[in-house]
Protein backbone atom coordinates (compact mmCIF):
# COMPACT_ATOMS: atom_id res chain seq x y z
CA UNK A 1 50.10 103.70 8.27
CA UNK A 2 53.00 104.77 6.06
CA UNK A 3 55.96 106.65 7.47
CA UNK A 4 58.85 108.39 5.78
CA UNK A 5 61.05 109.93 8.48
CA UNK A 6 64.03 110.36 6.18
CA UNK A 7 63.01 113.31 4.00
CA UNK A 8 62.73 117.07 4.16
CA UNK A 9 66.43 117.84 4.83
CA UNK A 10 67.56 121.11 3.22
CA UNK A 11 70.77 121.42 1.23
CA UNK A 12 73.50 123.37 3.08
CA UNK A 13 74.24 126.95 2.11
CA UNK A 14 76.85 127.54 -0.56
CA UNK A 15 78.46 130.34 1.43
CA UNK A 16 81.14 129.81 4.10
CA UNK A 17 79.79 130.16 7.63
CA UNK A 18 83.05 131.71 8.96
CA UNK A 19 82.53 129.65 12.15
CA UNK A 20 86.02 128.09 12.23
CA UNK A 21 88.60 130.54 13.55
CA UNK A 22 91.65 128.63 12.32
CA UNK A 23 90.16 128.30 8.82
CA UNK A 24 89.23 132.00 8.75
CA UNK A 25 92.84 132.96 9.45
CA UNK A 26 94.02 130.84 6.52
CA UNK A 27 91.28 132.37 4.35
CA UNK A 28 92.38 135.91 5.21
CA UNK A 29 95.92 135.11 4.03
CA UNK A 30 94.82 133.15 0.93
CA UNK A 31 96.75 134.66 -2.05
CA UNK A 32 93.71 134.21 -4.30
CA UNK A 33 91.53 136.25 -1.99
CA UNK A 34 94.15 138.99 -1.58
CA UNK A 35 94.87 139.20 -5.32
CA UNK A 36 91.16 139.05 -6.13
CA UNK A 37 90.43 141.88 -3.70
CA UNK A 38 93.20 143.98 -5.28
CA UNK A 39 91.96 143.31 -8.83
CA UNK A 40 88.38 144.13 -7.88
CA UNK A 41 89.62 147.38 -6.35
CA UNK A 42 91.35 148.23 -9.61
CA UNK A 43 88.27 147.32 -11.60
CA UNK A 44 86.07 149.49 -9.36
CA UNK A 45 88.25 152.57 -9.86
CA UNK A 46 86.26 155.75 -10.62
CA UNK A 47 89.16 157.46 -12.44
CA UNK A 48 88.42 158.66 -15.99
CA UNK A 49 89.05 156.12 -18.76
CA UNK A 50 91.51 157.33 -21.42
CA UNK A 51 90.87 154.57 -23.97
CA UNK A 52 88.35 151.79 -24.54
CA UNK A 53 91.08 149.26 -23.87
CA UNK A 54 91.67 150.79 -20.45
CA UNK A 55 87.98 150.39 -19.64
CA UNK A 56 88.06 146.82 -20.89
CA UNK A 57 91.11 146.20 -18.70
CA UNK A 58 89.25 147.47 -15.63
CA UNK A 59 86.31 145.20 -16.43
CA UNK A 60 88.65 142.24 -16.85
CA UNK A 61 90.35 143.03 -13.54
CA UNK A 62 86.99 143.13 -11.77
CA UNK A 63 85.86 139.80 -13.30
CA UNK A 64 89.14 138.04 -12.58
CA UNK A 65 89.16 139.46 -9.04
CA UNK A 66 85.61 138.25 -8.44
CA UNK A 67 86.53 134.81 -9.81
CA UNK A 68 89.58 134.53 -7.54
CA UNK A 69 87.61 135.58 -4.47
CA UNK A 70 84.89 133.08 -5.37
CA UNK A 71 87.51 130.30 -5.64
CA UNK A 72 88.94 131.31 -2.25
CA UNK A 73 85.43 131.23 -0.78
CA UNK A 74 84.70 127.82 -2.36
CA UNK A 75 87.93 126.50 -0.89
CA UNK A 76 86.96 127.79 2.57
CA UNK A 77 83.47 126.28 2.20
CA UNK A 78 84.97 122.87 1.35
CA UNK A 79 87.36 123.11 4.30
CA UNK A 80 84.44 123.93 6.62
CA UNK A 81 82.47 120.96 5.31
CA UNK A 82 85.49 118.68 5.83
CA UNK A 83 85.97 120.09 9.35
CA UNK A 84 82.31 119.46 10.22
CA UNK A 85 82.50 115.90 8.87
CA UNK A 86 85.64 115.25 10.93
CA UNK A 87 83.96 116.73 14.00
CA UNK A 88 80.87 114.55 13.54
CA UNK A 89 82.95 111.41 13.04
CA UNK A 90 84.85 112.12 16.25
CA UNK A 91 81.61 112.08 18.30
CA UNK A 92 80.56 108.73 19.81
CA UNK A 93 77.47 106.96 18.43
CA UNK A 94 75.52 107.73 21.61
CA UNK A 95 76.30 111.46 21.58
CA UNK A 96 73.24 113.55 22.42
CA UNK A 97 71.35 115.49 19.69
CA UNK A 98 72.36 118.71 21.47
CA UNK A 99 76.06 117.95 20.85
CA UNK A 100 75.43 116.97 17.23
CA UNK A 101 73.48 120.17 16.58
CA UNK A 102 76.43 122.18 17.86
CA UNK A 103 78.43 120.96 14.84
CA UNK A 104 76.23 123.33 12.78
CA UNK A 105 75.45 126.04 15.32
CA UNK A 106 78.72 126.43 17.20
CA UNK A 107 81.50 124.15 15.88
CA UNK A 108 84.28 126.28 17.39
CA UNK A 109 82.67 126.03 20.83
CA UNK A 110 82.30 122.25 20.44
CA UNK A 111 85.96 121.93 19.38
CA UNK A 112 87.04 123.96 22.39
CA UNK A 113 84.88 121.84 24.73
CA UNK A 114 86.27 118.59 23.25
CA UNK A 115 89.82 119.90 23.56
CA UNK A 116 89.19 120.85 27.20
CA UNK A 117 87.72 117.41 27.89
CA UNK A 118 90.69 115.73 26.21
CA UNK A 119 93.17 117.35 28.59
CA UNK A 120 91.14 116.71 31.72
CA UNK A 121 92.99 114.49 34.19
CA UNK A 122 91.72 110.97 34.81
CA UNK A 123 90.90 109.98 38.36
CA UNK A 124 90.79 106.67 40.20
CA UNK A 125 90.16 105.57 43.77
CA UNK A 126 93.50 104.51 45.31
CA UNK A 127 94.91 103.54 48.68
CA UNK A 128 98.33 104.15 50.22
CA UNK A 129 99.92 102.61 53.27
CA UNK A 130 99.83 104.75 56.38
CA UNK A 131 103.38 104.99 57.80
CA UNK A 132 103.73 103.80 61.39
CA UNK A 133 100.35 102.02 61.39
CA UNK A 134 100.64 98.44 60.11
CA UNK A 135 97.60 97.39 58.10
CA UNK A 136 96.16 100.91 57.97
CA UNK A 137 95.71 102.64 54.59
CA UNK A 138 94.89 106.13 53.38
CA UNK A 139 91.95 106.21 50.93
CA UNK A 140 91.94 108.97 48.31
CA UNK A 141 91.70 109.98 44.67
CA UNK A 142 94.69 109.71 42.35
CA UNK A 143 94.62 112.18 39.42
CA UNK A 144 96.70 111.42 36.34
CA UNK A 145 97.42 114.36 34.07
CA UNK A 146 97.37 113.67 30.30
CA UNK A 147 100.67 115.57 30.18
CA UNK A 148 102.22 113.28 32.77
CA UNK A 149 102.44 113.33 36.52
CA UNK A 150 100.15 112.09 39.26
CA UNK A 151 98.70 113.67 42.39
CA UNK A 152 97.04 111.93 45.33
CA UNK A 153 94.28 113.64 47.34
CA UNK A 154 93.51 111.76 50.59
CA UNK A 155 89.92 111.60 51.80
CA UNK A 156 89.86 109.13 54.70
CA UNK A 157 91.91 106.62 56.70
CA UNK A 158 90.99 102.97 57.17
CA UNK A 159 92.40 101.12 60.17
CA UNK A 160 91.71 97.39 60.53
CA UNK A 161 89.75 96.50 63.67
CA UNK A 162 91.73 95.18 66.58
CA UNK A 163 91.23 91.42 66.87
CA UNK A 164 89.81 89.91 70.02
CA UNK A 165 91.96 87.24 71.56
CA UNK A 166 90.20 83.99 72.43
CA UNK A 167 91.75 81.14 74.42
CA UNK A 168 91.84 77.63 73.00
CA UNK A 169 92.68 74.31 74.62
CA UNK A 170 94.75 71.55 72.98
CA UNK A 171 94.04 67.88 73.83
CA UNK A 172 96.27 64.94 72.90
CA UNK A 173 96.53 61.25 73.61
CA UNK A 174 98.82 60.15 76.42
CA UNK A 175 101.69 59.68 74.01
CA UNK A 176 101.22 63.22 72.63
CA UNK A 177 99.73 62.08 69.30
CA UNK A 178 96.47 63.15 67.56
CA UNK A 179 96.34 66.70 68.87
CA UNK A 180 92.94 68.41 68.84
CA UNK A 181 92.53 72.15 69.43
CA UNK A 182 89.11 73.45 70.55
CA UNK A 183 87.78 76.77 71.89
CA UNK A 184 87.80 76.90 75.65
CA UNK A 185 84.37 75.81 76.92
CA UNK A 186 83.50 73.74 73.83
CA UNK A 187 81.19 70.80 74.76
CA UNK A 188 83.35 68.37 72.77
CA UNK A 189 86.18 68.75 75.27
CA UNK A 190 84.39 66.43 77.75
CA UNK A 191 83.96 63.80 75.04
CA UNK A 192 87.66 63.78 74.19
CA UNK A 193 88.62 63.65 77.90
CA UNK A 194 86.36 60.61 78.41
CA UNK A 195 88.18 58.91 75.52
CA UNK A 196 91.56 59.23 77.27
CA UNK A 197 92.76 62.52 75.87
CA UNK A 198 94.65 64.77 78.25
CA UNK A 199 95.01 68.54 78.30
CA UNK A 200 98.32 70.00 77.26
CA UNK A 201 99.21 72.95 79.49
CA UNK A 202 99.79 75.21 76.57
CA UNK A 203 97.25 77.45 74.93
CA UNK A 204 97.23 77.89 71.18
CA UNK A 205 95.96 81.47 70.74
CA UNK A 206 94.01 82.50 67.69
CA UNK A 207 91.79 85.46 66.81
CA UNK A 208 88.18 86.20 65.94
CA UNK A 209 87.24 89.17 63.76
CA UNK A 210 85.29 91.88 65.54
CA UNK A 211 81.88 92.28 63.89
CA UNK A 212 81.50 95.87 65.12
CA UNK A 213 83.33 97.30 62.08
CA UNK A 214 80.97 95.54 59.64
CA UNK A 215 77.90 96.79 61.51
CA UNK A 216 79.32 100.32 61.44
CA UNK A 217 79.90 100.13 57.69
CA UNK A 218 76.31 98.96 57.09
CA UNK A 219 74.94 101.78 59.26
CA UNK A 220 77.08 104.44 57.60
CA UNK A 221 76.17 103.09 54.16
CA UNK A 222 72.46 103.40 54.97
CA UNK A 223 72.94 106.97 56.23
CA UNK A 224 74.82 107.88 53.04
CA UNK A 225 72.06 106.27 50.97
CA UNK A 226 69.34 108.33 52.65
CA UNK A 227 71.34 111.51 52.02
CA UNK A 228 71.80 110.52 48.37
CA UNK A 229 68.05 110.01 47.99
CA UNK A 230 67.48 113.44 49.53
CA UNK A 231 69.80 115.05 47.00
CA UNK A 232 68.15 113.08 44.20
CA UNK A 233 64.75 114.30 45.37
CA UNK A 234 65.83 117.92 44.95
CA UNK A 235 67.10 117.19 41.44
CA UNK A 236 63.85 115.32 40.68
CA UNK A 237 61.73 118.33 41.67
CA UNK A 238 63.98 120.63 39.65
CA UNK A 239 63.59 118.33 36.63
CA UNK A 240 59.79 118.35 37.01
CA UNK A 241 59.80 122.15 36.92
CA UNK A 242 62.13 122.08 33.92
CA UNK A 243 60.02 119.47 32.07
CA UNK A 244 56.85 121.53 32.50
CA UNK A 245 58.47 124.38 30.58
CA UNK A 246 60.08 122.09 28.00
CA UNK A 247 56.70 120.46 27.29
CA UNK A 248 55.22 123.89 26.53
CA UNK A 249 58.11 124.70 24.18
CA UNK A 250 57.72 121.29 22.52
CA UNK A 251 54.01 121.89 21.84
CA UNK A 252 54.72 125.35 20.40
CA UNK A 253 57.29 123.96 17.95
CA UNK A 254 55.11 120.96 17.06
CA UNK A 255 52.21 123.32 16.25
CA UNK A 256 54.36 125.13 13.68
CA UNK A 257 55.65 128.19 15.53
CA UNK A 258 58.38 129.87 13.44
CA UNK A 259 61.87 130.48 14.82
CA UNK A 260 65.12 131.57 13.19
CA UNK A 261 67.35 134.60 12.62
CA UNK A 262 64.63 136.50 10.70
CA UNK A 263 62.12 135.85 13.48
CA UNK A 264 64.59 137.21 16.04
CA UNK A 265 65.15 140.29 13.87
CA UNK A 266 61.40 140.96 13.49
CA UNK A 267 60.56 140.09 17.09
CA UNK A 268 60.87 143.60 18.66
CA UNK A 269 59.16 145.27 15.69
CA UNK A 270 56.19 142.91 15.97
CA UNK A 271 55.85 143.82 19.64
CA UNK A 272 55.61 147.49 18.70
CA UNK A 273 53.15 146.69 15.91
CA UNK A 274 51.04 144.66 18.33
CA UNK A 275 50.93 147.56 20.80
CA UNK A 276 49.76 149.82 17.96
CA UNK A 277 47.20 147.19 16.87
CA UNK A 278 48.77 147.04 13.38
CA UNK A 279 48.92 143.25 13.01
CA UNK A 280 46.22 140.64 12.55
CA UNK A 281 44.83 138.41 15.26
CA UNK A 282 46.73 135.39 13.87
CA UNK A 283 49.98 137.37 13.90
CA UNK A 284 49.31 138.45 17.47
CA UNK A 285 48.83 134.80 18.46
CA UNK A 286 52.11 133.91 16.74
CA UNK A 287 53.83 136.74 18.62
CA UNK A 288 52.39 135.55 21.95
CA UNK A 289 53.71 132.04 21.27
CA UNK A 290 57.14 133.44 20.45
CA UNK A 291 57.16 135.52 23.65
CA UNK A 292 56.35 132.40 25.70
CA UNK A 293 59.10 130.47 23.88
CA UNK A 294 61.57 133.33 24.46
CA UNK A 295 60.77 133.41 28.20
CA UNK A 296 61.40 129.64 28.42
CA UNK A 297 64.72 130.14 26.63
CA UNK A 298 65.72 132.87 29.11
CA UNK A 299 64.83 130.49 31.96
CA UNK A 300 67.06 127.74 30.54
CA UNK A 301 70.19 129.74 29.67
CA UNK A 302 71.45 130.42 33.24
CA UNK A 303 70.64 126.82 34.22
CA UNK A 304 73.20 125.52 31.74
CA UNK A 305 75.87 126.61 34.24
CA UNK A 306 77.21 123.82 36.45
CA UNK A 307 76.29 124.27 40.11
CA UNK A 308 79.15 125.58 42.21
CA UNK A 309 81.12 126.92 39.23
CA UNK A 310 80.76 130.55 40.34
CA UNK A 311 79.40 133.54 38.46
CA UNK A 312 78.85 133.47 34.70
CA UNK A 313 80.68 135.86 32.36
CA UNK A 314 79.10 137.40 29.25
CA UNK A 315 81.18 135.07 27.08
CA UNK A 316 80.01 132.00 29.00
CA UNK A 317 76.41 133.26 28.87
CA UNK A 318 76.65 133.55 25.08
CA UNK A 319 78.04 130.01 24.91
CA UNK A 320 75.19 128.70 27.11
CA UNK A 321 72.67 130.41 24.81
CA UNK A 322 74.15 128.56 21.83
CA UNK A 323 73.75 125.26 23.65
CA UNK A 324 70.04 125.59 24.42
CA UNK A 325 66.84 126.57 22.58
CA UNK A 326 66.60 130.20 21.41
CA UNK A 327 64.28 132.02 19.07
CA UNK A 328 67.13 132.83 16.66
CA UNK A 329 67.84 129.13 15.90
CA UNK A 330 65.89 127.39 13.15
CA UNK A 331 62.95 125.20 14.14
CA UNK A 332 64.73 121.89 13.47
CA UNK A 333 67.74 122.80 15.63
CA UNK A 334 65.44 123.96 18.45
CA UNK A 335 63.40 120.75 18.20
CA UNK A 336 66.51 118.56 18.32
CA UNK A 337 68.03 120.40 21.30
CA UNK A 338 64.68 120.48 23.11
CA UNK A 339 64.10 116.75 22.58
CA UNK A 340 67.53 115.94 23.95
CA UNK A 341 66.97 118.00 27.10
CA UNK A 342 63.47 116.58 27.69
CA UNK A 343 64.30 112.93 27.16
CA UNK A 344 67.48 113.02 29.23
CA UNK A 345 65.64 114.71 32.13
CA UNK A 346 62.77 112.19 31.88
CA UNK A 347 65.18 109.25 32.00
CA UNK A 348 67.05 110.78 34.94
CA UNK A 349 63.78 111.08 36.90
CA UNK A 350 62.88 107.50 35.98
CA UNK A 351 66.20 106.32 37.42
CA UNK A 352 65.61 108.38 40.59
CA UNK A 353 62.25 106.66 41.18
CA UNK A 354 63.67 103.18 40.54
CA UNK A 355 66.65 103.98 42.78
CA UNK A 356 64.42 104.92 45.69
CA UNK A 357 62.33 101.76 45.29
CA UNK A 358 65.52 99.64 45.13
CA UNK A 359 66.92 101.20 48.33
CA UNK A 360 63.84 100.47 50.46
CA UNK A 361 63.00 97.05 48.95
CA UNK A 362 64.13 94.30 51.36
CA UNK A 363 64.60 91.85 48.49
CA UNK A 364 66.75 94.27 46.46
CA UNK A 365 68.87 96.99 48.06
CA UNK A 366 67.68 96.65 51.66
CA UNK A 367 69.29 99.95 52.64
CA UNK A 368 72.04 100.11 50.02
CA UNK A 369 72.54 100.68 46.29
CA UNK A 370 74.64 97.56 45.69
CA UNK A 371 73.76 96.11 42.29
CA UNK A 372 71.47 98.97 41.27
CA UNK A 373 73.69 100.39 38.50
CA UNK A 374 73.82 97.02 36.70
CA UNK A 375 70.08 96.49 37.14
CA UNK A 376 69.23 100.00 35.86
CA UNK A 377 71.42 99.55 32.81
CA UNK A 378 69.46 96.45 31.86
CA UNK A 379 65.94 97.60 32.84
CA UNK A 380 65.65 101.40 32.40
CA UNK A 381 65.12 102.26 28.69
CA UNK A 382 67.61 104.64 27.06
CA UNK A 383 66.71 108.29 26.54
CA UNK A 384 66.54 107.85 22.76
CA UNK A 385 64.73 104.97 21.11
CA UNK A 386 66.44 103.21 18.20
CA UNK A 387 64.52 102.01 15.12
CA UNK A 388 65.77 99.81 12.30
CA UNK A 389 62.58 99.91 10.17
CA UNK A 390 59.43 101.98 9.61
CA UNK A 391 57.43 99.13 11.15
CA UNK A 392 59.27 99.56 14.46
CA UNK A 393 58.67 103.32 14.30
CA UNK A 394 54.95 102.75 13.66
CA UNK A 395 54.69 100.36 16.60
CA UNK A 396 56.28 102.89 18.97
CA UNK A 397 53.88 105.63 17.82
CA UNK A 398 50.87 103.35 18.22
CA UNK A 399 52.08 102.27 21.68
CA UNK A 400 52.43 105.90 22.76
CA UNK A 401 56.14 105.63 23.61
CA UNK A 402 57.04 108.14 20.86
CA UNK A 403 55.17 111.38 20.17
CA UNK A 404 55.51 114.45 17.95
CA UNK A 405 58.62 116.41 18.92
CA UNK A 406 60.50 113.39 20.35
CA UNK A 407 63.96 112.52 19.05
CA UNK A 408 64.89 109.00 17.96
CA UNK A 409 67.87 107.27 16.37
CA UNK A 410 67.47 106.24 12.73
CA UNK A 411 69.73 103.17 12.67
CA UNK A 412 69.26 102.75 8.93
CA UNK A 413 70.80 106.13 8.07
CA UNK A 414 72.82 106.41 11.31
CA UNK A 415 71.44 109.78 12.38
CA UNK A 416 69.06 111.33 14.89
CA UNK A 417 65.62 112.47 13.72
CA UNK A 418 62.67 114.36 15.18
CA UNK A 419 59.18 112.89 14.85
CA UNK A 420 56.92 115.38 13.03
CA UNK A 421 53.23 115.38 12.18
CA UNK A 422 54.19 115.10 8.51
CA UNK A 423 55.92 111.77 9.22
CA UNK A 424 52.79 110.43 10.90
CA UNK A 425 50.43 111.66 8.18
CA UNK A 426 52.66 110.13 5.50
């Protein structure tokens, strides 16, 4: 079976997208644009022409003005392309398809998000001595601001367990040589006494560590683990509900449903036409598919908000809409965003299941998650498969680990792709 997953990409538009605010400001003050606009205004004058030369002058002004505005627009277009390239190169190799698609759909939003992330403080678990309590420490989180300065937020206090005193006995020979110290009651004491050792009337105290603290830590760790599994279970069920909807949207896109700005524009008019029975049966089916897709999109948008972050403003809602599938995005962008959401949720649920099995397995976690992160990193497949050759891609399709609508990483061309029916058919 032949595969060619690296074709079908459209050339970018030759018009500026006006999606970069800082570039738009420079464009508005570009002398070529301003002069060109002035000349075009002169050339478009409706005042009577006194001489043929005056008319020719107006025509020349209009042409030169149009040329200058075109040069200003070309310059802005090149700046936008350079800005997108710089933005793409700043993303890590394992960045999700959703982030990469935002370079085309909402570069200003992505720049703002990256800038916000860059100034986020770094945190680390730290301890500080507790004054007046030798050996005790305060456990907390130390936040380091990228602008300088540190803050410490305490969370708990650890006090070392009080040692239990245990009496020992010291035996020596009659001349005081070869001292031997043993716990009081040790059976070897009688042996040494029978060999001529005598007891020195001086105890050498030492300490045994109380095992109660360790048992408490194990118990509390198990309780925390059960709570974690309970929280994971809620997220797992939420992901299942989400995946059911994403699978429907995936099938609609894979079957050729059209999306894009024109489809969004025609959407309400088609609804009216359908009510008036003015469109064909095939068009009605297409409209029904788009309505289902639109309802899934409306379900996803509010769920882009982080839990506990409060109410969502109109501006944030618009930003969330740009970050998920919508009927006004083109089919490729929707497919890439959808694949990223599906595959990340599927991997998260896979980790939840493995985590639960690890916790209750006596030979693995036995009531804790110690070692699970390292094991999962080595044994749970990544969300996006990576292929070096067409043969590897063919093998994954034949094995059923990759299906139409799934995203994968094309290592040869260093970019993410979506598997389409056209790739399978050759």
